[in-house]
Amino acid sequence: MNFIDLNQWLIKMIFANPFKLKELGILGMNNRNINYIGKLNKRKNFPLVDDKLKTKQIAQEHNIAVPELLGFIEYQVQINNFKHYIKNENGFVIKPAQGSGGKGILVIIKTIGNKFIKPNGVEVGYSDIKRHISNILSGLYSLGGKNDVAVFEKLVEFDNVFDGFSFEGVPDVRVVVYKGYPALAMMRLSTSNSDGKANLHQGAVGVGIDIKTGKALNAVQFDRPVQVHPDTQKPLKELKVPFWDDILLLASKCYDMTNMGYLGADIVIDKNKGPLVLELNARPGLAIQIANGIGAQTRFKKIDEVKYKESDPEKRVLFSKTNF
């Protein structure tokens, strides 16, 4: 499917009745919540993915590569400790452990004296950092507004292969994993609208990625087809994701780590360390269908046809690459 075909597919989807949407395999929100999240993700396992600190800790136990943890702050009286965590870092990331939708993530790409530089070039000082940490702890960005933990991570070093494909931020790959099988994938590219964050709701570009090859299929921004990056004018159809087999394998292993049957794995590529699991999502969004130009249930039904549960993640990846 090319960029022009996506327009035609979207028109069919927009004007289709519920029966036609079912025929197209479109997964809607209610269906997702009841029959996928509700049935395949046990409530007791949600903290493993809703809490980024717990995700990082359990990933390390399962030898799954993640960005390096610099430290974390749990209480207001500890806020000044942040200077200790970043003293040897030129760049770093502060995020709420229980945040969602990219909210509350502060990315610093450079430190100059007592000033910290954000991806958009804006300078912030120590007082700004402390205020941001305090907001995280008070639950400003957390799910349900409950008290949270501020997590400090080493900054991922941008791989030059993505030059021009992302603006003032590190792109990531979202892989939807169904019953352990990679089912759909897209690359999320930051833009000026998204403030350097790879979040589609904030204006990042989503590029559907072919499971078999790691090459771009279609691209969307705000659910509308685009052919070039809005800031750099880079043709998005030229995108090809390196380490593709490693990325699919990492995503598949996250199923074994969490025992969640419907899961979103967000993976970044560090130019020195390769693919790293950034975070997991027990409620992955549905826009990935638009970026791929295909209904998710089309893939899920194919996986449901597998008669025996496959415990080997490498074989699950092979199945997906062969069938999708």
Protein backbone atom coordinates (compact mmCIF):
# COMPACT_ATOMS: atom_id res chain seq x y z
CA MET A 1 0.00 0.00 0.00
CA ASN A 2 1.42 3.39 -0.97
CA PHE A 3 0.64 6.91 0.17
CA ILE A 4 -2.13 7.41 -2.44
CA ASP A 5 -3.81 4.12 -1.47
CA LEU A 6 -3.96 5.29 2.15
CA ASN A 7 -6.20 8.20 1.17
CA GLN A 8 -8.61 5.79 -0.48
CA TRP A 9 -8.55 3.47 2.53
CA LEU A 10 -9.28 6.36 4.90
CA ILE A 11 -12.25 7.46 2.78
CA LYS A 12 -13.68 3.95 2.93
CA MET A 13 -13.18 3.85 6.69
CA ILE A 14 -14.69 7.29 7.39
CA PHE A 15 -17.86 6.65 5.41
CA ALA A 16 -18.26 2.98 6.31
CA ASN A 17 -21.06 1.63 8.48
CA PRO A 18 -20.26 -0.59 11.50
CA PHE A 19 -20.58 -3.76 9.40
CA LYS A 20 -18.13 -2.44 6.81
CA LEU A 21 -15.65 -1.43 9.54
CA LYS A 22 -15.85 -4.97 10.89
CA GLU A 23 -15.20 -6.29 7.41
CA LEU A 24 -12.11 -4.03 7.17
CA GLY A 25 -10.91 -5.45 10.49
CA ILE A 26 -10.92 -2.04 12.19
CA LEU A 27 -10.43 -2.27 15.95
CA GLY A 28 -12.54 0.31 17.76
CA MET A 29 -12.01 1.67 21.25
CA ASN A 30 -14.87 -0.18 22.98
CA ASN A 31 -13.88 -3.48 21.37
CA ARG A 32 -10.25 -2.88 22.31
CA ASN A 33 -11.10 -2.10 25.93
CA ILE A 34 -13.46 -5.03 26.46
CA ASN A 35 -12.13 -7.87 24.32
CA TYR A 36 -8.42 -7.15 24.19
CA ILE A 37 -7.28 -5.10 27.18
CA GLY A 38 -9.97 -6.51 29.46
CA LYS A 39 -9.56 -10.16 28.48
CA LEU A 40 -5.85 -10.42 27.69
CA ASN A 41 -4.23 -8.14 30.28
CA LYS A 42 -4.61 -9.22 33.89
CA ARG A 43 -5.15 -6.32 36.26
CA LYS A 44 -2.38 -7.51 38.59
CA ASN A 45 0.17 -7.07 35.78
CA PHE A 46 -0.72 -3.45 34.95
CA PRO A 47 1.82 -1.95 37.39
CA LEU A 48 4.60 -3.64 35.41
CA VAL A 49 3.85 -1.37 32.45
CA ASP A 50 2.06 1.61 34.02
CA ASP A 51 5.07 2.32 36.26
CA LYS A 52 8.14 3.10 34.15
CA LEU A 53 10.49 2.48 37.05
CA LYS A 54 9.07 -1.01 37.62
CA THR A 55 9.21 -1.67 33.88
CA LYS A 56 12.88 -0.78 33.82
CA GLN A 57 13.66 -2.92 36.84
CA ILE A 58 11.87 -6.01 35.57
CA ALA A 59 13.36 -5.56 32.10
CA GLN A 60 16.84 -5.63 33.59
CA GLU A 61 15.93 -8.86 35.41
CA HIS A 62 14.94 -10.39 32.05
CA ASN A 63 18.08 -9.10 30.26
CA ILE A 64 16.04 -6.76 28.06
CA ALA A 65 18.02 -3.68 27.07
CA VAL A 66 16.68 -0.34 28.37
CA PRO A 67 18.08 3.21 28.66
CA GLU A 68 20.40 3.49 31.65
CA LEU A 69 18.74 4.50 34.91
CA LEU A 70 20.56 7.41 36.57
CA GLY A 71 18.37 7.51 39.66
CA PHE A 72 14.92 8.39 40.95
CA ILE A 73 13.29 10.71 43.49
CA GLU A 74 10.27 9.70 45.55
CA TYR A 75 9.82 12.55 48.06
CA GLN A 76 9.86 16.34 47.97
CA VAL A 77 12.67 16.49 50.55
CA GLN A 78 14.91 14.60 48.10
CA ILE A 79 14.59 17.07 45.23
CA ASN A 80 18.06 18.55 45.65
CA ASN A 81 19.47 15.05 45.12
CA PHE A 82 18.89 15.44 41.40
CA LYS A 83 22.21 17.29 41.07
CA HIS A 84 23.98 14.10 42.10
CA TYR A 85 22.28 12.04 39.37
CA ILE A 86 23.16 14.40 36.52
CA LYS A 87 26.59 15.67 37.59
CA ASN A 88 28.41 13.61 34.96
CA GLU A 89 25.78 13.91 32.23
CA ASN A 90 25.72 16.41 29.39
CA GLY A 91 22.15 15.40 28.58
CA PHE A 92 19.46 13.48 30.45
CA VAL A 93 15.73 12.78 30.64
CA ILE A 94 13.36 13.26 33.59
CA LYS A 95 10.00 11.52 33.39
CA PRO A 96 7.09 10.66 35.69
CA ALA A 97 7.07 6.95 36.49
CA GLN A 98 3.30 6.78 36.01
CA GLY A 99 2.82 9.41 33.31
CA SER A 100 1.00 8.83 30.05
CA GLY A 101 0.80 10.35 26.60
CA GLY A 102 4.27 11.85 26.83
CA LYS A 103 3.16 14.32 29.51
CA GLY A 104 5.73 15.46 32.06
CA ILE A 105 8.77 14.22 30.14
CA LEU A 106 11.60 16.74 30.23
CA VAL A 107 14.43 16.17 27.77
CA ILE A 108 17.75 17.98 28.23
CA ILE A 109 20.21 17.61 25.37
CA LYS A 110 23.03 19.79 26.68
CA THR A 111 24.31 21.30 29.91
CA ILE A 112 26.18 24.61 29.86
CA GLY A 113 27.26 25.72 33.32
CA ASN A 114 24.09 26.21 35.34
CA LYS A 115 21.86 26.13 32.26
CA PHE A 116 20.11 23.14 30.71
CA ILE A 117 19.17 23.16 27.02
CA LYS A 118 15.95 21.54 25.77
CA PRO A 119 15.67 20.10 22.22
CA ASN A 120 13.99 23.31 20.98
CA GLY A 121 16.90 25.43 22.25
CA VAL A 122 15.05 26.85 25.28
CA GLU A 123 17.25 27.23 28.37
CA VAL A 124 16.07 26.23 31.85
CA GLY A 125 17.84 26.59 35.19
CA TYR A 126 18.12 24.66 38.43
CA SER A 127 14.94 26.22 39.80
CA ASP A 128 13.01 25.13 36.71
CA ILE A 129 14.28 21.56 37.07
CA LYS A 130 13.35 21.47 40.76
CA ARG A 131 9.88 22.83 40.01
CA HIS A 132 9.36 20.20 37.33
CA ILE A 133 10.41 17.40 39.70
CA SER A 134 8.08 18.76 42.37
CA ASN A 135 5.19 18.74 39.87
CA ILE A 136 5.93 15.13 38.99
CA LEU A 137 5.98 14.07 42.64
CA SER A 138 2.69 15.83 43.34
CA GLY A 139 1.00 13.79 40.59
CA LEU A 140 0.49 16.54 38.02
CA TYR A 141 1.26 14.14 35.14
CA SER A 142 0.41 10.75 36.66
CA LEU A 143 -2.47 8.44 35.87
CA GLY A 144 -5.28 9.36 38.25
CA GLY A 145 -3.35 12.31 39.69
CA LYS A 146 -1.77 10.24 42.46
CA ASN A 147 1.67 10.94 43.93
CA ASP A 148 4.43 9.86 41.59
CA VAL A 149 8.16 9.22 41.27
CA ALA A 150 10.58 11.24 39.13
CA VAL A 151 12.80 8.93 37.06
CA PHE A 152 16.16 10.07 35.66
CA GLU A 153 17.49 8.34 32.54
CA LYS A 154 20.60 8.66 30.47
CA LEU A 155 19.88 10.48 27.21
CA VAL A 156 19.61 8.18 24.21
CA GLU A 157 22.18 9.12 21.59
CA PHE A 158 20.43 9.81 18.31
CA ASP A 159 21.37 7.45 15.48
CA ASN A 160 22.42 9.41 12.39
CA VAL A 161 20.44 7.05 10.16
CA PHE A 162 17.34 9.04 11.14
CA ASP A 163 18.74 12.46 10.21
CA GLY A 164 15.94 14.50 8.68
CA PHE A 165 13.24 12.06 9.71
CA SER A 166 12.79 13.55 13.18
CA PHE A 167 12.89 17.12 14.47
CA GLU A 168 14.52 18.04 17.81
CA GLY A 169 13.90 14.64 19.33
CA VAL A 170 14.63 10.93 19.29
CA PRO A 171 12.20 8.85 17.20
CA ASP A 172 10.88 5.55 18.50
CA VAL A 173 9.24 2.43 17.14
CA ARG A 174 5.87 1.34 18.53
CA VAL A 175 5.23 -2.38 18.08
CA VAL A 176 1.81 -3.77 19.00
CA VAL A 177 2.34 -7.29 20.31
CA TYR A 178 -0.64 -9.65 20.29
CA LYS A 179 -0.28 -12.87 22.30
CA GLY A 180 3.48 -12.54 21.94
CA TYR A 181 3.47 -11.96 18.16
CA PRO A 182 4.47 -8.60 16.65
CA ALA A 183 1.29 -7.61 14.80
CA LEU A 184 1.65 -3.96 13.78
CA ALA A 185 4.48 -1.44 13.88
CA MET A 186 5.01 2.24 13.27
CA MET A 187 7.78 4.74 13.77
CA ARG A 188 6.90 7.92 15.64
CA LEU A 189 8.84 10.96 14.52
CA SER A 190 8.98 14.13 16.59
CA THR A 191 8.09 17.50 15.07
CA SER A 192 8.04 21.15 16.09
CA ASN A 193 4.38 20.62 17.01
CA SER A 194 5.23 17.75 19.36
CA ASP A 195 8.04 19.70 21.12
CA GLY A 196 10.62 17.03 20.34
CA LYS A 197 8.46 14.20 21.71
CA ALA A 198 7.42 11.14 19.70
CA ASN A 199 3.76 11.38 20.68
CA LEU A 200 1.08 11.36 17.99
CA HIS A 201 -1.48 13.26 20.08
CA GLN A 202 1.00 16.14 20.39
CA GLY A 203 1.72 16.27 16.66
CA ALA A 204 4.39 13.67 15.97
CA VAL A 205 4.31 11.88 12.62
CA GLY A 206 3.40 8.19 12.61
CA VAL A 207 4.95 6.07 9.86
CA GLY A 208 3.54 2.59 9.32
CA ILE A 209 6.35 0.04 9.10
CA ASP A 210 6.25 -3.22 7.15
CA ILE A 211 6.71 -6.10 9.62
CA LYS A 212 8.65 -8.15 7.08
CA THR A 213 11.19 -5.55 5.90
CA GLY A 214 11.23 -2.63 8.35
CA LYS A 215 10.46 -0.23 5.49
CA ALA A 216 7.96 2.65 5.52
CA LEU A 217 4.45 2.03 4.25
CA ASN A 218 2.41 5.20 4.92
CA ALA A 219 2.69 8.26 7.13
CA VAL A 220 0.14 10.33 9.03
CA GLN A 221 0.08 13.43 11.20
CA PHE A 222 -3.08 14.28 13.15
CA ASP A 223 -4.66 11.26 11.37
CA ARG A 224 -4.08 12.82 7.93
CA PRO A 225 -1.74 11.33 5.29
CA VAL A 226 1.58 13.12 4.79
CA GLN A 227 4.42 12.32 2.42
CA VAL A 228 7.25 14.43 3.84
CA HIS A 229 8.30 15.42 7.34
CA PRO A 230 6.56 18.77 8.05
CA ASP A 231 9.74 20.42 9.41
CA THR A 232 12.56 18.90 7.35
CA GLN A 233 10.69 18.00 4.13
CA LYS A 234 12.41 14.61 4.17
CA PRO A 235 10.46 12.07 2.04
CA LEU A 236 9.04 9.63 4.56
CA LYS A 237 8.79 6.75 2.09
CA GLU A 238 12.62 6.57 2.22
CA LEU A 239 12.57 5.54 5.89
CA LYS A 240 13.97 2.10 6.68
CA VAL A 241 14.47 1.01 10.28
CA PRO A 242 17.83 -0.64 11.09
CA PHE A 243 18.18 -3.55 13.56
CA TRP A 244 14.67 -4.55 12.50
CA ASP A 245 14.85 -8.21 13.54
CA ASP A 246 16.34 -7.18 16.90
CA ILE A 247 13.50 -4.71 17.45
CA LEU A 248 10.82 -7.31 16.72
CA LEU A 249 12.54 -9.79 19.02
CA LEU A 250 12.75 -7.26 21.85
CA ALA A 251 9.05 -6.48 21.45
CA SER A 252 8.11 -10.16 21.43
CA LYS A 253 10.15 -10.81 24.60
CA CYS A 254 8.16 -8.10 26.39
CA TYR A 255 5.15 -10.42 26.25
CA ASP A 256 7.04 -13.08 28.19
CA MET A 257 8.22 -10.45 30.66
CA THR A 258 4.74 -9.03 31.40
CA ASN A 259 2.36 -11.86 30.41
CA MET A 260 0.15 -9.29 28.69
CA GLY A 261 -1.59 -10.45 25.55
CA TYR A 262 -2.23 -6.97 24.13
CA LEU A 263 0.77 -4.74 24.51
CA GLY A 264 2.54 -1.77 22.97
CA ALA A 265 6.35 -1.81 23.11
CA ASP A 266 8.13 1.49 22.47
CA ILE A 267 11.70 0.97 21.30
CA VAL A 268 14.44 3.50 20.53
CA ILE A 269 17.74 3.01 18.75
CA ASP A 270 20.88 4.29 20.45
CA LYS A 271 23.76 4.71 18.01
CA ASN A 272 26.13 2.93 20.40
CA LYS A 273 23.86 0.45 22.21
CA GLY A 274 21.37 -0.43 19.51
CA PRO A 275 17.65 -1.03 20.24
CA LEU A 276 16.43 -0.24 23.78
CA VAL A 277 12.95 -0.69 25.26
CA LEU A 278 11.86 2.79 26.27
CA GLU A 279 8.54 1.87 27.85
CA LEU A 280 5.54 -0.43 27.57
CA ASN A 281 1.85 0.34 27.21
CA ALA A 282 -1.03 -1.88 28.30
CA ARG A 283 -3.48 0.30 26.36
CA PRO A 284 -1.79 0.98 23.00
CA GLY A 285 -3.70 3.44 20.84
CA LEU A 286 -5.50 2.72 17.60
CA ALA A 287 -3.87 5.26 15.26
CA ILE A 288 -1.31 2.63 14.29
CA GLN A 289 -4.06 1.17 12.07
CA ILE A 290 -4.22 4.39 10.09
CA ALA A 291 -0.44 4.58 9.71
CA ASN A 292 -0.43 1.03 8.34
CA GLY A 293 -3.62 1.28 6.31
CA ILE A 294 -4.94 -1.96 7.76
CA GLY A 295 -7.34 -3.02 10.49
CA ALA A 296 -5.61 -4.55 13.51
CA GLN A 297 -8.13 -7.40 13.77
CA THR A 298 -7.03 -8.62 10.36
CA ARG A 299 -3.65 -9.44 11.89
CA PHE A 300 -5.05 -10.62 15.23
CA LYS A 301 -7.30 -13.20 13.54
CA LYS A 302 -4.31 -14.61 11.68
CA ILE A 303 -2.47 -15.04 14.99
CA ASP A 304 -5.56 -16.62 16.56
CA GLU A 305 -5.36 -19.33 13.89
CA VAL A 306 -2.11 -20.60 15.43
CA LYS A 307 -3.13 -23.84 17.15
CA TYR A 308 -0.33 -24.17 19.66
CA LYS A 309 1.07 -21.47 21.93
CA GLU A 310 4.62 -20.72 20.78
CA SER A 311 7.00 -20.13 23.69
CA ASP A 312 10.02 -19.19 21.58
CA PRO A 313 9.98 -15.43 20.81
CA GLU A 314 12.24 -15.95 17.78
CA LYS A 315 9.70 -18.32 16.24
CA ARG A 316 6.91 -15.85 16.96
CA VAL A 317 8.86 -13.15 15.13
CA LEU A 318 9.42 -15.51 12.20
CA PHE A 319 5.69 -16.20 12.04
CA SER A 320 4.91 -12.47 11.90
CA LYS A 321 7.54 -11.76 9.25
CA THR A 322 6.27 -14.67 7.17
CA ASN A 323 2.57 -13.85 7.43
CA PHE A 324 2.54 -10.06 7.56
